[in-house]
Amino acid sequence: MTATSLSKGANVAVDSPAVRAELVWSPGPGVPEVDASALLLTSAGRVRDDGDFVFYNQPRQ
C-alpha cells in the first residue's frame, strides 16, 4: 500500500478494484472541521449515479 497526500481540491487517478482512504488532521483553535467526500468517476470523468458519491458516515452503498 502506498500513501498519497492531497491538498484541498486535489484529485488522484486510482487503478485498483478496492481503495482504502484515511483522513488525518490535527484539530485545534483556528483549524476548520473536516468534511470529506469522494466522487468515483468513469474514464470519461463522469459520475454514473448517486452510488458513486462517497461521504462521511456512509462507508458503503
PDB file of N, CA and C in Angstrom:
ATOM      1  N   MET A   1       0.851  -1.175   0.000  1.00  0.00           N
ATOM      2  CA  MET A   1       0.000   0.000   0.000  1.00  0.00           C
ATOM      3  C   MET A   1       0.894   1.235   0.000  1.00  0.00           C
ATOM      4  N   THR A   2       0.543   2.193  -0.818  1.00  0.00           N
ATOM      5  CA  THR A   2       1.283   3.447  -0.864  1.00  0.00           C
ATOM      6  C   THR A   2       0.408   4.572  -0.331  1.00  0.00           C
ATOM      7  N   ALA A   3       1.045   5.593   0.187  1.00  0.00           N
ATOM      8  CA  ALA A   3       0.327   6.748   0.721  1.00  0.00           C
ATOM      9  C   ALA A   3       0.509   7.936  -0.214  1.00  0.00           C
ATOM     10  N   THR A   4      -0.558   8.672  -0.418  1.00  0.00           N
ATOM     11  CA  THR A   4      -0.525   9.870  -1.239  1.00  0.00           C
ATOM     12  C   THR A   4      -1.176  10.999  -0.467  1.00  0.00           C
ATOM     13  N   SER A   5      -0.482  12.106  -0.315  1.00  0.00           N
ATOM     14  CA  SER A   5      -1.055  13.277   0.350  1.00  0.00           C
ATOM     15  C   SER A   5      -1.690  14.178  -0.699  1.00  0.00           C
ATOM     16  N   LEU A   6      -2.900  14.638  -0.411  1.00  0.00           N
ATOM     17  CA  LEU A   6      -3.613  15.515  -1.332  1.00  0.00           C
ATOM     18  C   LEU A   6      -3.897  16.848  -0.671  1.00  0.00           C
ATOM     19  N   SER A   7      -3.766  17.904  -1.433  1.00  0.00           N
ATOM     20  CA  SER A   7      -4.131  19.240  -0.971  1.00  0.00           C
ATOM     21  C   SER A   7      -5.606  19.475  -1.265  1.00  0.00           C
ATOM     22  N   LYS A   8      -6.180  20.492  -0.661  1.00  0.00           N
ATOM     23  CA  LYS A   8      -7.580  20.840  -0.878  1.00  0.00           C
ATOM     24  C   LYS A   8      -7.857  20.966  -2.375  1.00  0.00           C
ATOM     25  N   GLY A   9      -8.892  20.269  -2.843  1.00  0.00           N
ATOM     26  CA  GLY A   9      -9.289  20.329  -4.244  1.00  0.00           C
ATOM     27  C   GLY A   9      -8.515  19.409  -5.171  1.00  0.00           C
ATOM     28  N   ALA A  10      -7.534  18.694  -4.639  1.00  0.00           N
ATOM     29  CA  ALA A  10      -6.709  17.818  -5.476  1.00  0.00           C
ATOM     30  C   ALA A  10      -7.451  16.529  -5.810  1.00  0.00           C
ATOM     31  N   ASN A  11      -6.942  15.811  -6.792  1.00  0.00           N
ATOM     32  CA  ASN A  11      -7.504  14.510  -7.142  1.00  0.00           C
ATOM     33  C   ASN A  11      -6.381  13.572  -7.538  1.00  0.00           C
ATOM     34  N   VAL A  12      -6.696  12.299  -7.593  1.00  0.00           N
ATOM     35  CA  VAL A  12      -5.705  11.298  -7.973  1.00  0.00           C
ATOM     36  C   VAL A  12      -6.426  10.165  -8.709  1.00  0.00           C
ATOM     37  N   ALA A  13      -5.824   9.691  -9.784  1.00  0.00           N
ATOM     38  CA  ALA A  13      -6.380   8.551 -10.516  1.00  0.00           C
ATOM     39  C   ALA A  13      -6.035   7.273  -9.763  1.00  0.00           C
ATOM     40  N   VAL A  14      -6.993   6.367  -9.650  1.00  0.00           N
ATOM     41  CA  VAL A  14      -6.792   5.110  -8.934  1.00  0.00           C
ATOM     42  C   VAL A  14      -7.121   3.965  -9.880  1.00  0.00           C
ATOM     43  N   ASP A  15      -6.150   3.092 -10.089  1.00  0.00           N
ATOM     44  CA  ASP A  15      -6.346   1.942 -10.968  1.00  0.00           C
ATOM     45  C   ASP A  15      -6.342   0.678 -10.112  1.00  0.00           C
ATOM     46  N   SER A  16      -7.397   0.510  -9.325  1.00  0.00           N
ATOM     47  CA  SER A  16      -7.485  -0.610  -8.405  1.00  0.00           C
ATOM     48  C   SER A  16      -8.953  -0.941  -8.150  1.00  0.00           C
ATOM     49  N   PRO A  17      -9.281  -2.217  -7.963  1.00  0.00           N
ATOM     50  CA  PRO A  17     -10.677  -2.567  -7.693  1.00  0.00           C
ATOM     51  C   PRO A  17     -11.128  -2.208  -6.276  1.00  0.00           C
ATOM     52  N   ALA A  18     -10.184  -1.965  -5.367  1.00  0.00           N
ATOM     53  CA  ALA A  18     -10.524  -1.606  -3.984  1.00  0.00           C
ATOM     54  C   ALA A  18      -9.625  -0.465  -3.525  1.00  0.00           C
ATOM     55  N   VAL A  19     -10.201   0.439  -2.751  1.00  0.00           N
ATOM     56  CA  VAL A  19      -9.454   1.603  -2.267  1.00  0.00           C
ATOM     57  C   VAL A  19      -9.741   1.792  -0.787  1.00  0.00           C
ATOM     58  N   ARG A  20      -8.716   2.125  -0.031  1.00  0.00           N
ATOM     59  CA  ARG A  20      -8.890   2.491   1.370  1.00  0.00           C
ATOM     60  C   ARG A  20      -8.400   3.921   1.513  1.00  0.00           C
ATOM     61  N   ALA A  21      -9.274   4.784   1.994  1.00  0.00           N
ATOM     62  CA  ALA A  21      -8.907   6.186   2.202  1.00  0.00           C
ATOM     63  C   ALA A  21      -8.881   6.472   3.693  1.00  0.00           C
ATOM     64  N   GLU A  22      -7.854   7.162   4.129  1.00  0.00           N
ATOM     65  CA  GLU A  22      -7.708   7.517   5.537  1.00  0.00           C
ATOM     66  C   GLU A  22      -7.458   9.010   5.628  1.00  0.00           C
ATOM     67  N   LEU A  23      -8.234   9.685   6.441  1.00  0.00           N
ATOM     68  CA  LEU A  23      -8.139  11.130   6.593  1.00  0.00           C
ATOM     69  C   LEU A  23      -7.556  11.441   7.963  1.00  0.00           C
ATOM     70  N   VAL A  24      -6.482  12.220   7.984  1.00  0.00           N
ATOM     71  CA  VAL A  24      -5.819  12.570   9.237  1.00  0.00           C
ATOM     72  C   VAL A  24      -5.661  14.080   9.305  1.00  0.00           C
ATOM     73  N   TRP A  25      -6.025  14.668  10.445  1.00  0.00           N
ATOM     74  CA  TRP A  25      -5.827  16.096  10.653  1.00  0.00           C
ATOM     75  C   TRP A  25      -5.674  16.351  12.133  1.00  0.00           C
ATOM     76  N   SER A  26      -5.126  17.502  12.478  1.00  0.00           N
ATOM     77  CA  SER A  26      -4.928  17.887  13.877  1.00  0.00           C
ATOM     78  C   SER A  26      -5.884  19.019  14.218  1.00  0.00           C
ATOM     79  N   PRO A  27      -6.939  18.735  14.995  1.00  0.00           N
ATOM     80  CA  PRO A  27      -7.886  19.785  15.366  1.00  0.00           C
ATOM     81  C   PRO A  27      -7.257  20.765  16.347  1.00  0.00           C
ATOM     82  N   GLY A  28      -7.754  21.964  16.360  1.00  0.00           N
ATOM     83  CA  GLY A  28      -7.261  22.974  17.286  1.00  0.00           C
ATOM     84  C   GLY A  28      -7.856  24.323  16.968  1.00  0.00           C
ATOM     85  N   PRO A  29      -7.507  25.325  17.770  1.00  0.00           N
ATOM     86  CA  PRO A  29      -8.028  26.673  17.533  1.00  0.00           C
ATOM     87  C   PRO A  29      -7.659  27.160  16.129  1.00  0.00           C
ATOM     88  N   GLY A  30      -8.634  27.648  15.402  1.00  0.00           N
ATOM     89  CA  GLY A  30      -8.382  28.166  14.062  1.00  0.00           C
ATOM     90  C   GLY A  30      -8.297  27.106  12.982  1.00  0.00           C
ATOM     91  N   VAL A  31      -8.397  25.837  13.362  1.00  0.00           N
ATOM     92  CA  VAL A  31      -8.345  24.751  12.382  1.00  0.00           C
ATOM     93  C   VAL A  31      -9.784  24.359  12.044  1.00  0.00           C
ATOM     94  N   PRO A  32     -10.159  24.405  10.777  1.00  0.00           N
ATOM     95  CA  PRO A  32     -11.549  24.083  10.417  1.00  0.00           C
ATOM     96  C   PRO A  32     -11.875  22.606  10.627  1.00  0.00           C
ATOM     97  N   GLU A  33     -13.152  22.317  10.805  1.00  0.00           N
ATOM     98  CA  GLU A  33     -13.615  20.935  10.868  1.00  0.00           C
ATOM     99  C   GLU A  33     -13.402  20.295   9.497  1.00  0.00           C
ATOM    100  N   VAL A  34     -13.360  18.994   9.457  1.00  0.00           N
ATOM    101  CA  VAL A  34     -13.132  18.274   8.211  1.00  0.00           C
ATOM    102  C   VAL A  34     -14.443  17.666   7.724  1.00  0.00           C
ATOM    103  N   ASP A  35     -14.712  17.819   6.462  1.00  0.00           N
ATOM    104  CA  ASP A  35     -15.887  17.224   5.827  1.00  0.00           C
ATOM    105  C   ASP A  35     -15.417  16.590   4.523  1.00  0.00           C
ATOM    106  N   ALA A  36     -15.092  15.321   4.568  1.00  0.00           N
ATOM    107  CA  ALA A  36     -14.517  14.644   3.409  1.00  0.00           C
ATOM    108  C   ALA A  36     -15.589  13.974   2.561  1.00  0.00           C
ATOM    109  N   SER A  37     -15.355  13.956   1.274  1.00  0.00           N
ATOM    110  CA  SER A  37     -16.224  13.238   0.346  1.00  0.00           C
ATOM    111  C   SER A  37     -15.389  12.822  -0.859  1.00  0.00           C
ATOM    112  N   ALA A  38     -15.908  11.874  -1.617  1.00  0.00           N
ATOM    113  CA  ALA A  38     -15.203  11.410  -2.815  1.00  0.00           C
ATOM    114  C   ALA A  38     -16.215  11.143  -3.916  1.00  0.00           C
ATOM    115  N   LEU A  39     -15.818  11.441  -5.130  1.00  0.00           N
ATOM    116  CA  LEU A  39     -16.622  11.135  -6.308  1.00  0.00           C
ATOM    117  C   LEU A  39     -15.885  10.069  -7.106  1.00  0.00           C
ATOM    118  N   LEU A  40     -16.567   9.007  -7.446  1.00  0.00           N
ATOM    119  CA  LEU A  40     -15.987   7.962  -8.274  1.00  0.00           C
ATOM    120  C   LEU A  40     -16.364   8.267  -9.715  1.00  0.00           C
ATOM    121  N   LEU A  41     -15.357   8.469 -10.559  1.00  0.00           N
ATOM    122  CA  LEU A  41     -15.595   8.899 -11.936  1.00  0.00           C
ATOM    123  C   LEU A  41     -15.274   7.802 -12.941  1.00  0.00           C
ATOM    124  N   THR A  42     -15.982   7.797 -14.043  1.00  0.00           N
ATOM    125  CA  THR A  42     -15.688   6.894 -15.152  1.00  0.00           C
ATOM    126  C   THR A  42     -14.461   7.419 -15.897  1.00  0.00           C
ATOM    127  N   SER A  43     -14.004   6.669 -16.887  1.00  0.00           N
ATOM    128  CA  SER A  43     -12.857   7.129 -17.677  1.00  0.00           C
ATOM    129  C   SER A  43     -13.175   8.415 -18.432  1.00  0.00           C
ATOM    130  N   ALA A  44     -14.475   8.706 -18.601  1.00  0.00           N
ATOM    131  CA  ALA A  44     -14.893   9.952 -19.253  1.00  0.00           C
ATOM    132  C   ALA A  44     -14.985  11.112 -18.255  1.00  0.00           C
ATOM    133  N   GLY A  45     -14.656  10.833 -16.978  1.00  0.00           N
ATOM    134  CA  GLY A  45     -14.678  11.888 -15.974  1.00  0.00           C
ATOM    135  C   GLY A  45     -16.064  12.225 -15.461  1.00  0.00           C
ATOM    136  N   ARG A  46     -16.992  11.255 -15.542  1.00  0.00           N
ATOM    137  CA  ARG A  46     -18.377  11.499 -15.111  1.00  0.00           C
ATOM    138  C   ARG A  46     -18.781  10.526 -14.011  1.00  0.00           C
ATOM    139  N   VAL A  47     -19.660  10.975 -13.126  1.00  0.00           N
ATOM    140  CA  VAL A  47     -20.238  10.117 -12.101  1.00  0.00           C
ATOM    141  C   VAL A  47     -21.385   9.337 -12.741  1.00  0.00           C
ATOM    142  N   ARG A  48     -21.467   8.024 -12.471  1.00  0.00           N
ATOM    143  CA  ARG A  48     -22.536   7.205 -13.068  1.00  0.00           C
ATOM    144  C   ARG A  48     -23.888   7.453 -12.400  1.00  0.00           C
ATOM    145  N   ASP A  49     -23.908   7.462 -11.059  1.00  0.00           N
ATOM    146  CA  ASP A  49     -25.152   7.671 -10.312  1.00  0.00           C
ATOM    147  C   ASP A  49     -24.817   8.028  -8.865  1.00  0.00           C
ATOM    148  N   ASP A  50     -25.831   8.149  -8.000  1.00  0.00           N
ATOM    149  CA  ASP A  50     -25.614   8.536  -6.604  1.00  0.00           C
ATOM    150  C   ASP A  50     -24.724   7.558  -5.847  1.00  0.00           C
ATOM    151  N   GLY A  51     -24.669   6.308  -6.282  1.00  0.00           N
ATOM    152  CA  GLY A  51     -23.822   5.310  -5.644  1.00  0.00           C
ATOM    153  C   GLY A  51     -22.340   5.608  -5.782  1.00  0.00           C
ATOM    154  N   ASP A  52     -21.971   6.506  -6.688  1.00  0.00           N
ATOM    155  CA  ASP A  52     -20.570   6.869  -6.895  1.00  0.00           C
ATOM    156  C   ASP A  52     -20.154   8.084  -6.070  1.00  0.00           C
ATOM    157  N   PHE A  53     -20.998   8.501  -5.137  1.00  0.00           N
ATOM    158  CA  PHE A  53     -20.683   9.614  -4.241  1.00  0.00           C
ATOM    159  C   PHE A  53     -20.489   9.038  -2.845  1.00  0.00           C
ATOM    160  N   VAL A  54     -19.275   9.152  -2.317  1.00  0.00           N
ATOM    161  CA  VAL A  54     -18.930   8.594  -1.013  1.00  0.00           C
ATOM    162  C   VAL A  54     -18.701   9.743  -0.048  1.00  0.00           C
ATOM    163  N   PHE A  55     -19.323   9.675   1.133  1.00  0.00           N
ATOM    164  CA  PHE A  55     -19.170  10.753   2.101  1.00  0.00           C
ATOM    165  C   PHE A  55     -19.130  10.200   3.514  1.00  0.00           C
ATOM    166  N   TYR A  56     -18.799  11.062   4.462  1.00  0.00           N
ATOM    167  CA  TYR A  56     -18.671  10.683   5.867  1.00  0.00           C
ATOM    168  C   TYR A  56     -19.918   9.964   6.365  1.00  0.00           C
ATOM    169  N   ASN A  57     -19.692   8.922   7.136  1.00  0.00           N
ATOM    170  CA  ASN A  57     -20.746   8.133   7.767  1.00  0.00           C
ATOM    171  C   ASN A  57     -21.544   7.307   6.755  1.00  0.00           C
ATOM    172  N   GLN A  58     -21.030   7.151   5.559  1.00  0.00           N
ATOM    173  CA  GLN A  58     -21.646   6.313   4.533  1.00  0.00           C
ATOM    174  C   GLN A  58     -20.517   5.537   3.862  1.00  0.00           C
ATOM    175  N   PRO A  59     -19.898   4.589   4.598  1.00  0.00           N
ATOM    176  CA  PRO A  59     -18.735   3.891   4.053  1.00  0.00           C
ATOM    177  C   PRO A  59     -19.044   2.936   2.908  1.00  0.00           C
ATOM    178  N   ARG A  60     -20.305   2.489   2.799  1.00  0.00           N
ATOM    179  CA  ARG A  60     -20.677   1.554   1.730  1.00  0.00           C
ATOM    180  C   ARG A  60     -22.034   1.914   1.175  1.00  0.00           C
ATOM    181  N   GLN A  61     -22.236   1.609  -0.081  1.00  0.00           N
ATOM    182  CA  GLN A  61     -23.547   1.805  -0.721  1.00  0.00           C
ATOM    183  C   GLN A  61     -24.306   0.509  -0.669  1.00  0.00           C
TER     184      GLN A  61
END
